[in-house]
PDB file of N, CA and C in Angstrom:
ATOM      1  N   UNK A   1       8.129 -12.064 -12.953  1.00  0.00           N
ATOM      2  CA  UNK A   1       7.325 -10.775 -12.773  1.00  0.00           C
ATOM      3  C   UNK A   1       6.685 -10.142 -14.403  1.00  0.00           C
ATOM      4  N   UNK A   2       8.225 -10.240 -15.194  1.00  0.00           N
ATOM      5  CA  UNK A   2       7.788  -9.942 -16.190  1.00  0.00           C
ATOM      6  C   UNK A   2       6.570 -10.004 -17.229  1.00  0.00           C
ATOM      7  N   UNK A   3       6.294 -11.363 -16.765  1.00  0.00           N
ATOM      8  CA  UNK A   3       4.605 -12.116 -17.697  1.00  0.00           C
ATOM      9  C   UNK A   3       3.337 -11.778 -16.749  1.00  0.00           C
ATOM     10  N   UNK A   4       3.720 -11.284 -15.953  1.00  0.00           N
ATOM     11  CA  UNK A   4       2.393 -10.759 -15.400  1.00  0.00           C
ATOM     12  C   UNK A   4       1.712  -9.227 -16.133  1.00  0.00           C
ATOM     13  N   UNK A   5       0.140  -9.846 -16.293  1.00  0.00           N
ATOM     14  CA  UNK A   5       0.150  -8.666 -17.132  1.00  0.00           C
ATOM     15  C   UNK A   5      -0.402  -7.040 -16.848  1.00  0.00           C
ATOM     16  N   UNK A   6      -0.187  -7.077 -15.446  1.00  0.00           N
ATOM     17  CA  UNK A   6      -0.146  -5.583 -14.731  1.00  0.00           C
ATOM     18  C   UNK A   6       0.686  -5.834 -13.627  1.00  0.00           C
ATOM     19  N   UNK A   7       1.035  -4.403 -13.291  1.00  0.00           N
ATOM     20  CA  UNK A   7       1.810  -4.324 -11.685  1.00  0.00           C
ATOM     21  C   UNK A   7       1.256  -4.765 -10.728  1.00  0.00           C
ATOM     22  N   UNK A   8      -0.126  -4.631 -10.559  1.00  0.00           N
ATOM     23  CA  UNK A   8      -0.657  -5.300  -9.295  1.00  0.00           C
ATOM     24  C   UNK A   8      -1.218  -6.140  -9.679  1.00  0.00           C
ATOM     25  N   UNK A   9      -0.616  -7.426  -9.468  1.00  0.00           N
ATOM     26  CA  UNK A   9      -1.191  -8.537  -9.891  1.00  0.00           C
ATOM     27  C   UNK A   9      -1.925  -9.182  -8.688  1.00  0.00           C
ATOM     28  N   UNK A  10      -2.116  -8.956  -7.606  1.00  0.00           N
ATOM     29  CA  UNK A  10      -2.701  -9.339  -6.665  1.00  0.00           C
ATOM     30  C   UNK A  10      -4.214  -8.967  -6.085  1.00  0.00           C
ATOM     31  N   UNK A  11      -4.215  -7.817  -7.001  1.00  0.00           N
ATOM     32  CA  UNK A  11      -5.704  -7.247  -6.418  1.00  0.00           C
ATOM     33  C   UNK A  11      -5.166  -5.960  -5.602  1.00  0.00           C
ATOM     34  N   UNK A  12      -6.196  -4.663  -5.857  1.00  0.00           N
ATOM     35  CA  UNK A  12      -5.529  -3.312  -5.326  1.00  0.00           C
ATOM     36  C   UNK A  12      -5.748  -3.640  -3.722  1.00  0.00           C
ATOM     37  N   UNK A  13      -6.378  -4.218  -3.424  1.00  0.00           N
ATOM     38  CA  UNK A  13      -6.882  -4.272  -1.985  1.00  0.00           C
ATOM     39  C   UNK A  13      -5.565  -4.547  -1.171  1.00  0.00           C
ATOM     40  N   UNK A  14      -5.155  -5.906  -1.608  1.00  0.00           N
ATOM     41  CA  UNK A  14      -4.034  -7.036  -0.937  1.00  0.00           C
ATOM     42  C   UNK A  14      -2.822  -6.199  -1.436  1.00  0.00           C
ATOM     43  N   UNK A  15      -2.680  -5.564  -2.507  1.00  0.00           N
ATOM     44  CA  UNK A  15      -1.491  -4.703  -2.601  1.00  0.00           C
ATOM     45  C   UNK A  15      -1.469  -3.086  -1.371  1.00  0.00           C
ATOM     46  N   UNK A  16      -1.934  -2.932  -1.245  1.00  0.00           N
ATOM     47  CA  UNK A  16      -2.346  -1.620  -0.120  1.00  0.00           C
ATOM     48  C   UNK A  16      -2.220  -1.885   1.224  1.00  0.00           C
ATOM     49  N   UNK A  17      -2.845  -3.464   1.302  1.00  0.00           N
ATOM     50  CA  UNK A  17      -2.043  -4.055   2.685  1.00  0.00           C
ATOM     51  C   UNK A  17      -0.498  -4.174   2.913  1.00  0.00           C
ATOM     52  N   UNK A  18      -0.423  -5.098   1.743  1.00  0.00           N
ATOM     53  CA  UNK A  18       1.123  -5.216   1.939  1.00  0.00           C
ATOM     54  C   UNK A  18       2.223  -3.917   1.762  1.00  0.00           C
ATOM     55  N   UNK A  19       1.852  -2.944   1.200  1.00  0.00           N
ATOM     56  CA  UNK A  19       2.336  -1.348   0.976  1.00  0.00           C
ATOM     57  C   UNK A  19       2.711  -0.650   2.125  1.00  0.00           C
ATOM     58  N   UNK A  20       0.803  -0.928   2.849  1.00  0.00           N
ATOM     59  CA  UNK A  20       1.224  -0.906   4.386  1.00  0.00           C
ATOM     60  C   UNK A  20       1.894  -0.801   5.421  1.00  0.00           C
ATOM     61  N   UNK A  21       1.967  -2.191   5.410  1.00  0.00           N
ATOM     62  CA  UNK A  21       2.518  -3.281   6.004  1.00  0.00           C
ATOM     63  C   UNK A  21       4.086  -2.940   6.069  1.00  0.00           C
ATOM     64  N   UNK A  22       4.762  -2.577   4.408  1.00  0.00           N
ATOM     65  CA  UNK A  22       6.190  -2.902   4.579  1.00  0.00           C
ATOM     66  C   UNK A  22       6.605  -1.239   4.728  1.00  0.00           C
ATOM     67  N   UNK A  23       5.649  -0.136   4.418  1.00  0.00           N
ATOM     68  CA  UNK A  23       6.705   0.805   4.798  1.00  0.00           C
ATOM     69  C   UNK A  23       5.950   1.885   5.705  1.00  0.00           C
ATOM     70  N   UNK A  24       4.729   0.992   6.551  1.00  0.00           N
ATOM     71  CA  UNK A  24       4.164   1.844   7.879  1.00  0.00           C
ATOM     72  C   UNK A  24       4.604   1.281   9.067  1.00  0.00           C
ATOM     73  N   UNK A  25       4.306  -0.320   8.730  1.00  0.00           N
ATOM     74  CA  UNK A  25       4.324  -0.945  10.138  1.00  0.00           C
ATOM     75  C   UNK A  25       5.831  -1.621  10.301  1.00  0.00           C
ATOM     76  N   UNK A  26       6.219  -2.034   9.025  1.00  0.00           N
ATOM     77  CA  UNK A  26       7.995  -2.289   8.911  1.00  0.00           C
ATOM     78  C   UNK A  26       8.782  -0.925   9.807  1.00  0.00           C
ATOM     79  N   UNK A  27       9.082   0.012   9.421  1.00  0.00           N
ATOM     80  CA  UNK A  27       9.539   1.222  10.295  1.00  0.00           C
ATOM     81  C   UNK A  27       9.392   1.117  11.656  1.00  0.00           C
ATOM     82  N   UNK A  28       8.163   1.235  12.018  1.00  0.00           N
ATOM     83  CA  UNK A  28       7.687   1.176  13.496  1.00  0.00           C
ATOM     84  C   UNK A  28       8.306   0.235  13.877  1.00  0.00           C
ATOM     85  N   UNK A  29       8.164  -1.246  13.134  1.00  0.00           N
ATOM     86  CA  UNK A  29       8.923  -2.344  14.148  1.00  0.00           C
ATOM     87  C   UNK A  29      10.044  -2.028  14.565  1.00  0.00           C
ATOM     88  N   UNK A  30      10.710  -1.318  13.426  1.00  0.00           N
ATOM     89  CA  UNK A  30      12.099  -1.372  13.702  1.00  0.00           C
ATOM     90  C   UNK A  30      12.509  -0.317  14.520  1.00  0.00           C
ATOM     91  N   UNK A  31      11.685   1.032  14.619  1.00  0.00           N
ATOM     92  CA  UNK A  31      11.678   2.036  15.690  1.00  0.00           C
ATOM     93  C   UNK A  31      12.308   1.372  16.989  1.00  0.00           C
ATOM     94  N   UNK A  32      11.095   0.322  17.433  1.00  0.00           N
ATOM     95  CA  UNK A  32      10.730  -0.521  18.498  1.00  0.00           C
ATOM     96  C   UNK A  32      12.004  -1.318  19.107  1.00  0.00           C
ATOM     97  N   UNK A  33      12.385  -2.103  17.680  1.00  0.00           N
ATOM     98  CA  UNK A  33      13.868  -2.269  18.356  1.00  0.00           C
ATOM     99  C   UNK A  33      14.674  -2.087  18.360  1.00  0.00           C
ATOM    100  N   UNK A  34      14.955  -0.941  17.642  1.00  0.00           N
ATOM    101  CA  UNK A  34      16.213  -0.079  17.881  1.00  0.00           C
ATOM    102  C   UNK A  34      16.449   0.342  19.222  1.00  0.00           C
ATOM    103  N   UNK A  35      14.842   1.122  19.508  1.00  0.00           N
ATOM    104  CA  UNK A  35      14.674   1.707  20.739  1.00  0.00           C
ATOM    105  C   UNK A  35      15.045   0.582  21.885  1.00  0.00           C
ATOM    106  N   UNK A  36      14.723  -0.650  21.957  1.00  0.00           N
ATOM    107  CA  UNK A  36      14.682  -1.740  22.705  1.00  0.00           C
ATOM    108  C   UNK A  36      16.348  -1.681  22.662  1.00  0.00           C
ATOM    109  N   UNK A  37      17.104  -2.011  21.617  1.00  0.00           N
ATOM    110  CA  UNK A  37      18.628  -2.299  21.676  1.00  0.00           C
ATOM    111  C   UNK A  37      19.402  -1.258  21.842  1.00  0.00           C
ATOM    112  N   UNK A  38      18.979  -0.245  22.265  1.00  0.00           N
ATOM    113  CA  UNK A  38      19.384   1.087  22.596  1.00  0.00           C
ATOM    114  C   UNK A  38      20.323   2.139  21.530  1.00  0.00           C
ATOM    115  N   UNK A  39      19.830   1.810  20.691  1.00  0.00           N
ATOM    116  CA  UNK A  39      20.161   2.718  19.538  1.00  0.00           C
ATOM    117  C   UNK A  39      19.682   4.031  19.379  1.00  0.00           C
ATOM    118  N   UNK A  40      20.338   5.053  19.462  1.00  0.00           N
ATOM    119  CA  UNK A  40      19.815   6.695  19.675  1.00  0.00           C
ATOM    120  C   UNK A  40      20.547   7.581  18.227  1.00  0.00           C
ATOM    121  N   UNK A  41      19.973   8.468  18.199  1.00  0.00           N
ATOM    122  CA  UNK A  41      20.931   9.638  17.456  1.00  0.00           C
ATOM    123  C   UNK A  41      20.883   9.065  15.829  1.00  0.00           C
ATOM    124  N   UNK A  42      22.054   9.545  15.365  1.00  0.00           N
ATOM    125  CA  UNK A  42      21.837   9.106  14.017  1.00  0.00           C
ATOM    126  C   UNK A  42      21.733   7.596  13.379  1.00  0.00           C
ATOM    127  N   UNK A  43      21.875   6.540  14.180  1.00  0.00           N
ATOM    128  CA  UNK A  43      22.367   5.306  13.972  1.00  0.00           C
ATOM    129  C   UNK A  43      20.726   4.699  13.902  1.00  0.00           C
ATOM    130  N   UNK A  44      19.846   5.538  15.214  1.00  0.00           N
ATOM    131  CA  UNK A  44      18.562   4.856  14.772  1.00  0.00           C
ATOM    132  C   UNK A  44      17.562   5.316  13.814  1.00  0.00           C
ATOM    133  N   UNK A  45      18.302   6.745  13.166  1.00  0.00           N
ATOM    134  CA  UNK A  45      17.553   7.177  11.875  1.00  0.00           C
ATOM    135  C   UNK A  45      17.667   6.359  10.552  1.00  0.00           C
ATOM    136  N   UNK A  46      18.949   6.105  10.837  1.00  0.00           N
ATOM    137  CA  UNK A  46      19.402   5.517   9.779  1.00  0.00           C
ATOM    138  C   UNK A  46      18.568   4.320   9.457  1.00  0.00           C
ATOM    139  N   UNK A  47      18.732   3.480  10.903  1.00  0.00           N
ATOM    140  CA  UNK A  47      17.976   2.192  10.942  1.00  0.00           C
ATOM    141  C   UNK A  47      16.710   2.105  10.574  1.00  0.00           C
ATOM    142  N   UNK A  48      15.926   3.121  10.729  1.00  0.00           N
ATOM    143  CA  UNK A  48      14.527   4.031  10.564  1.00  0.00           C
ATOM    144  C   UNK A  48      14.266   3.868   8.752  1.00  0.00           C
ATOM    145  N   UNK A  49      15.093   4.792   8.280  1.00  0.00           N
ATOM    146  CA  UNK A  49      15.170   4.767   6.904  1.00  0.00           C
ATOM    147  C   UNK A  49      15.186   4.038   6.060  1.00  0.00           C
ATOM    148  N   UNK A  50      15.817   2.837   6.561  1.00  0.00           N
ATOM    149  CA  UNK A  50      16.703   1.460   6.214  1.00  0.00           C
ATOM    150  C   UNK A  50      15.232   0.490   5.849  1.00  0.00           C
ATOM    151  N   UNK A  51      14.559   0.753   7.060  1.00  0.00           N
ATOM    152  CA  UNK A  51      13.359  -0.236   7.107  1.00  0.00           C
ATOM    153  C   UNK A  51      12.487   0.219   5.915  1.00  0.00           C
ATOM    154  N   UNK A  52      12.566   1.373   5.601  1.00  0.00           N
ATOM    155  CA  UNK A  52      11.616   1.714   4.698  1.00  0.00           C
ATOM    156  C   UNK A  52      11.989   1.498   3.224  1.00  0.00           C
ATOM    157  N   UNK A  53      12.761   1.060   3.117  1.00  0.00           N
ATOM    158  CA  UNK A  53      14.214   0.584   1.687  1.00  0.00           C
ATOM    159  C   UNK A  53      13.029  -0.728   1.262  1.00  0.00           C
ATOM    160  N   UNK A  54      12.531  -0.667  -0.533  1.00  0.00           N
ATOM    161  CA  UNK A  54      11.991  -1.743  -0.584  1.00  0.00           C
ATOM    162  C   UNK A  54      12.744  -3.234  -0.684  1.00  0.00           C
ATOM    163  N   UNK A  55      12.065  -4.105  -0.618  1.00  0.00           N
ATOM    164  CA  UNK A  55      12.704  -5.433  -0.893  1.00  0.00           C
ATOM    165  C   UNK A  55      12.837  -5.828  -1.952  1.00  0.00           C
ATOM    166  N   UNK A  56      13.975  -6.662  -1.821  1.00  0.00           N
ATOM    167  CA  UNK A  56      14.836  -7.324  -2.949  1.00  0.00           C
ATOM    168  C   UNK A  56      14.036  -8.293  -4.197  1.00  0.00           C
ATOM    169  N   UNK A  57      14.549  -8.669  -4.982  1.00  0.00           N
ATOM    170  CA  UNK A  57      14.136  -9.394  -5.672  1.00  0.00           C
ATOM    171  C   UNK A  57      14.049 -11.511  -5.085  1.00  0.00           C
ATOM    172  N   UNK A  58      15.066 -11.291  -4.411  1.00  0.00           N
ATOM    173  CA  UNK A  58      15.094 -13.049  -3.837  1.00  0.00           C
ATOM    174  C   UNK A  58      14.169 -13.315  -3.244  1.00  0.00           C
ATOM    175  N   UNK A  59      13.339 -12.548  -2.442  1.00  0.00           N
ATOM    176  CA  UNK A  59      12.161 -13.071  -1.771  1.00  0.00           C
ATOM    177  C   UNK A  59      10.818 -13.876  -2.696  1.00  0.00           C
ATOM    178  N   UNK A  60      10.984 -12.741  -4.157  1.00  0.00           N
ATOM    179  CA  UNK A  60      10.459 -13.237  -4.903  1.00  0.00           C
ATOM    180  C   UNK A  60      10.470 -14.444  -5.449  1.00  0.00           C
ATOM    181  N   UNK A  61      11.861 -14.643  -6.008  1.00  0.00           N
ATOM    182  CA  UNK A  61      12.821 -16.039  -6.291  1.00  0.00           C
ATOM    183  C   UNK A  61      11.678 -16.944  -5.599  1.00  0.00           C
ATOM    184  N   UNK A  62      12.459 -16.954  -4.378  1.00  0.00           N
ATOM    185  CA  UNK A  62      11.601 -18.197  -3.269  1.00  0.00           C
ATOM    186  C   UNK A  62      10.148 -18.444  -3.255  1.00  0.00           C
ATOM    187  N   UNK A  63       9.347 -17.177  -3.366  1.00  0.00           N
ATOM    188  CA  UNK A  63       7.922 -17.272  -3.509  1.00  0.00           C
ATOM    189  C   UNK A  63       7.964 -18.420  -4.931  1.00  0.00           C
ATOM    190  N   UNK A  64       8.319 -17.731  -5.934  1.00  0.00           N
ATOM    191  CA  UNK A  64       7.732 -18.523  -7.248  1.00  0.00           C
ATOM    192  C   UNK A  64       8.209 -19.728  -7.342  1.00  0.00           C
ATOM    193  N   UNK A  65       9.642 -20.428  -6.643  1.00  0.00           N
ATOM    194  CA  UNK A  65       9.892 -21.778  -6.336  1.00  0.00           C
ATOM    195  C   UNK A  65       9.203 -22.675  -5.691  1.00  0.00           C
ATOM    196  N   UNK A  66       8.784 -21.963  -4.583  1.00  0.00           N
ATOM    197  CA  UNK A  66       8.052 -22.662  -3.392  1.00  0.00           C
ATOM    198  C   UNK A  66       6.096 -22.623  -3.551  1.00  0.00           C
ATOM    199  N   UNK A  67       5.706 -21.648  -4.262  1.00  0.00           N
ATOM    200  CA  UNK A  67       4.768 -21.704  -4.807  1.00  0.00           C
ATOM    201  C   UNK A  67       4.224 -20.875  -3.757  1.00  0.00           C
ATOM    202  N   UNK A  68       4.292 -19.950  -2.938  1.00  0.00           N
ATOM    203  CA  UNK A  68       3.473 -19.333  -1.827  1.00  0.00           C
ATOM    204  C   UNK A  68       3.567 -17.893  -2.264  1.00  0.00           C
ATOM    205  N   UNK A  69       2.609 -17.779  -2.764  1.00  0.00           N
ATOM    206  CA  UNK A  69       1.670 -16.462  -2.700  1.00  0.00           C
ATOM    207  C   UNK A  69       2.765 -15.870  -3.813  1.00  0.00           C
ATOM    208  N   UNK A  70       3.494 -16.228  -5.064  1.00  0.00           N
ATOM    209  CA  UNK A  70       4.268 -15.341  -5.767  1.00  0.00           C
ATOM    210  C   UNK A  70       3.870 -13.985  -6.587  1.00  0.00           C
ATOM    211  N   UNK A  71       2.192 -14.185  -6.459  1.00  0.00           N
ATOM    212  CA  UNK A  71       1.456 -12.650  -7.081  1.00  0.00           C
ATOM    213  C   UNK A  71       2.065 -11.472  -6.062  1.00  0.00           C
ATOM    214  N   UNK A  72       1.457 -11.885  -4.853  1.00  0.00           N
ATOM    215  CA  UNK A  72       1.847 -10.493  -3.687  1.00  0.00           C
ATOM    216  C   UNK A  72       3.183 -10.332  -3.472  1.00  0.00           C
ATOM    217  N   UNK A  73       4.269 -11.439  -3.732  1.00  0.00           N
ATOM    218  CA  UNK A  73       5.606 -11.102  -3.923  1.00  0.00           C
ATOM    219  C   UNK A  73       5.607  -9.957  -5.282  1.00  0.00           C
ATOM    220  N   UNK A  74       5.669 -10.737  -5.676  1.00  0.00           N
ATOM    221  CA  UNK A  74       5.678  -9.620  -7.555  1.00  0.00           C
ATOM    222  C   UNK A  74       5.398  -8.503  -7.499  1.00  0.00           C
ATOM    223  N   UNK A  75       3.917  -8.340  -7.210  1.00  0.00           N
ATOM    224  CA  UNK A  75       3.812  -7.160  -6.301  1.00  0.00           C
ATOM    225  C   UNK A  75       4.408  -6.107  -5.396  1.00  0.00           C
ATOM    226  N   UNK A  76       4.590  -6.817  -4.332  1.00  0.00           N
ATOM    227  CA  UNK A  76       5.561  -5.946  -3.547  1.00  0.00           C
ATOM    228  C   UNK A  76       6.557  -5.622  -3.901  1.00  0.00           C
ATOM    229  N   UNK A  77       7.073  -6.189  -4.714  1.00  0.00           N
ATOM    230  CA  UNK A  77       8.654  -5.954  -5.394  1.00  0.00           C
ATOM    231  C   UNK A  77       8.270  -4.757  -6.592  1.00  0.00           C
ATOM    232  N   UNK A  78       7.620  -4.824  -7.589  1.00  0.00           N
ATOM    233  CA  UNK A  78       7.549  -3.846  -8.477  1.00  0.00           C
ATOM    234  C   UNK A  78       6.703  -2.602  -8.175  1.00  0.00           C
ATOM    235  N   UNK A  79       5.758  -2.766  -7.418  1.00  0.00           N
ATOM    236  CA  UNK A  79       5.058  -1.680  -6.753  1.00  0.00           C
ATOM    237  C   UNK A  79       6.234  -0.830  -5.611  1.00  0.00           C
ATOM    238  N   UNK A  80       6.572  -1.677  -4.581  1.00  0.00           N
ATOM    239  CA  UNK A  80       7.301  -1.374  -3.857  1.00  0.00           C
ATOM    240  C   UNK A  80       8.416  -0.533  -4.465  1.00  0.00           C
ATOM    241  N   UNK A  81       8.950  -0.733  -5.218  1.00  0.00           N
ATOM    242  CA  UNK A  81      10.136  -0.076  -6.286  1.00  0.00           C
ATOM    243  C   UNK A  81       9.589   1.178  -6.298  1.00  0.00           C
ATOM    244  N   UNK A  82       8.300   1.260  -6.739  1.00  0.00           N
ATOM    245  CA  UNK A  82       7.461   2.987  -7.231  1.00  0.00           C
ATOM    246  C   UNK A  82       7.731   3.495  -6.056  1.00  0.00           C
ATOM    247  N   UNK A  83       7.032   3.468  -5.210  1.00  0.00           N
ATOM    248  CA  UNK A  83       6.340   3.974  -3.616  1.00  0.00           C
ATOM    249  C   UNK A  83       7.942   4.020  -3.338  1.00  0.00           C
ATOM    250  N   UNK A  84       8.690   3.639  -2.921  1.00  0.00           N
ATOM    251  CA  UNK A  84       9.813   3.831  -2.174  1.00  0.00           C
ATOM    252  C   UNK A  84      10.955   4.967  -2.087  1.00  0.00           C
ATOM    253  N   UNK A  85      10.673   5.318  -3.050  1.00  0.00           N
ATOM    254  CA  UNK A  85      11.765   6.253  -3.353  1.00  0.00           C
ATOM    255  C   UNK A  85      10.996   7.594  -2.505  1.00  0.00           C
ATOM    256  N   UNK A  86       9.858   7.893  -3.009  1.00  0.00           N
ATOM    257  CA  UNK A  86       9.404   9.189  -2.068  1.00  0.00           C
ATOM    258  C   UNK A  86       8.918   9.131  -0.703  1.00  0.00           C
ATOM    259  N   UNK A  87       8.897   7.916  -0.110  1.00  0.00           N
ATOM    260  CA  UNK A  87       8.578   7.467   0.861  1.00  0.00           C
ATOM    261  C   UNK A  87       9.819   7.001   1.756  1.00  0.00           C
ATOM    262  N   UNK A  88      10.617   6.984   1.423  1.00  0.00           N
ATOM    263  CA  UNK A  88      11.925   7.062   1.885  1.00  0.00           C
ATOM    264  C   UNK A  88      12.479   8.367   1.802  1.00  0.00           C
ATOM    265  N   UNK A  89      12.030   9.241   1.038  1.00  0.00           N
ATOM    266  CA  UNK A  89      12.847  10.387   1.214  1.00  0.00           C
ATOM    267  C   UNK A  89      11.778  11.488   2.083  1.00  0.00           C
ATOM    268  N   UNK A  90      10.907  11.226   2.104  1.00  0.00           N
ATOM    269  CA  UNK A  90       9.984  11.710   3.376  1.00  0.00           C
ATOM    270  C   UNK A  90       9.978  11.451   4.297  1.00  0.00           C
ATOM    271  N   UNK A  91      10.264   9.749   4.673  1.00  0.00           N
ATOM    272  CA  UNK A  91      11.146   9.840   6.276  1.00  0.00           C
ATOM    273  C   UNK A  91      12.445   9.847   6.382  1.00  0.00           C
ATOM    274  N   UNK A  92      12.920  10.439   5.318  1.00  0.00           N
ATOM    275  CA  UNK A  92      14.677  10.771   5.383  1.00  0.00           C
ATOM    276  C   UNK A  92      14.627  12.433   5.905  1.00  0.00           C
ATOM    277  N   UNK A  93      13.385  13.152   5.156  1.00  0.00           N
ATOM    278  CA  UNK A  93      13.453  14.792   5.655  1.00  0.00           C
ATOM    279  C   UNK A  93      12.906  14.783   6.686  1.00  0.00           C
ATOM    280  N   UNK A  94      11.714  13.973   7.237  1.00  0.00           N
ATOM    281  CA  UNK A  94      10.781  14.081   8.638  1.00  0.00           C
ATOM    282  C   UNK A  94      12.028  14.095   9.701  1.00  0.00           C
ATOM    283  N   UNK A  95      13.266  13.049   9.719  1.00  0.00           N
ATOM    284  CA  UNK A  95      14.140  12.499  10.447  1.00  0.00           C
ATOM    285  C   UNK A  95      15.316  13.271  10.614  1.00  0.00           C
ATOM    286  N   UNK A  96      15.389  14.282   9.741  1.00  0.00           N
ATOM    287  CA  UNK A  96      16.132  15.318   9.288  1.00  0.00           C
ATOM    288  C   UNK A  96      17.801  14.923   9.234  1.00  0.00           C
ATOM    289  N   UNK A  97      18.158  13.786   8.606  1.00  0.00           N
ATOM    290  CA  UNK A  97      19.007  13.157   8.468  1.00  0.00           C
ATOM    291  C   UNK A  97      20.016  13.908   6.922  1.00  0.00           C
TER     292      UNK A  97
END
């Protein structure tokens, strides 16, 4: 990832879609799955905030090794780490944990 010329290696449009999927759709899917499993209260809120946390480096390593969209994953990891803190804090305060 350090060899990329910019943080957003896959283009701004694809990066915006990836971030929307990760930080908006991910928590929404987690909320639906948590409600379906019967999670309520504090466990539900913790699961929701965890869904908004950034992805790790391991998915990028696999994407690079198997050559399956490594640019998208590198952008997701790098850019996701930058935006994850304010978004996770916003979810944290909205859910009043």
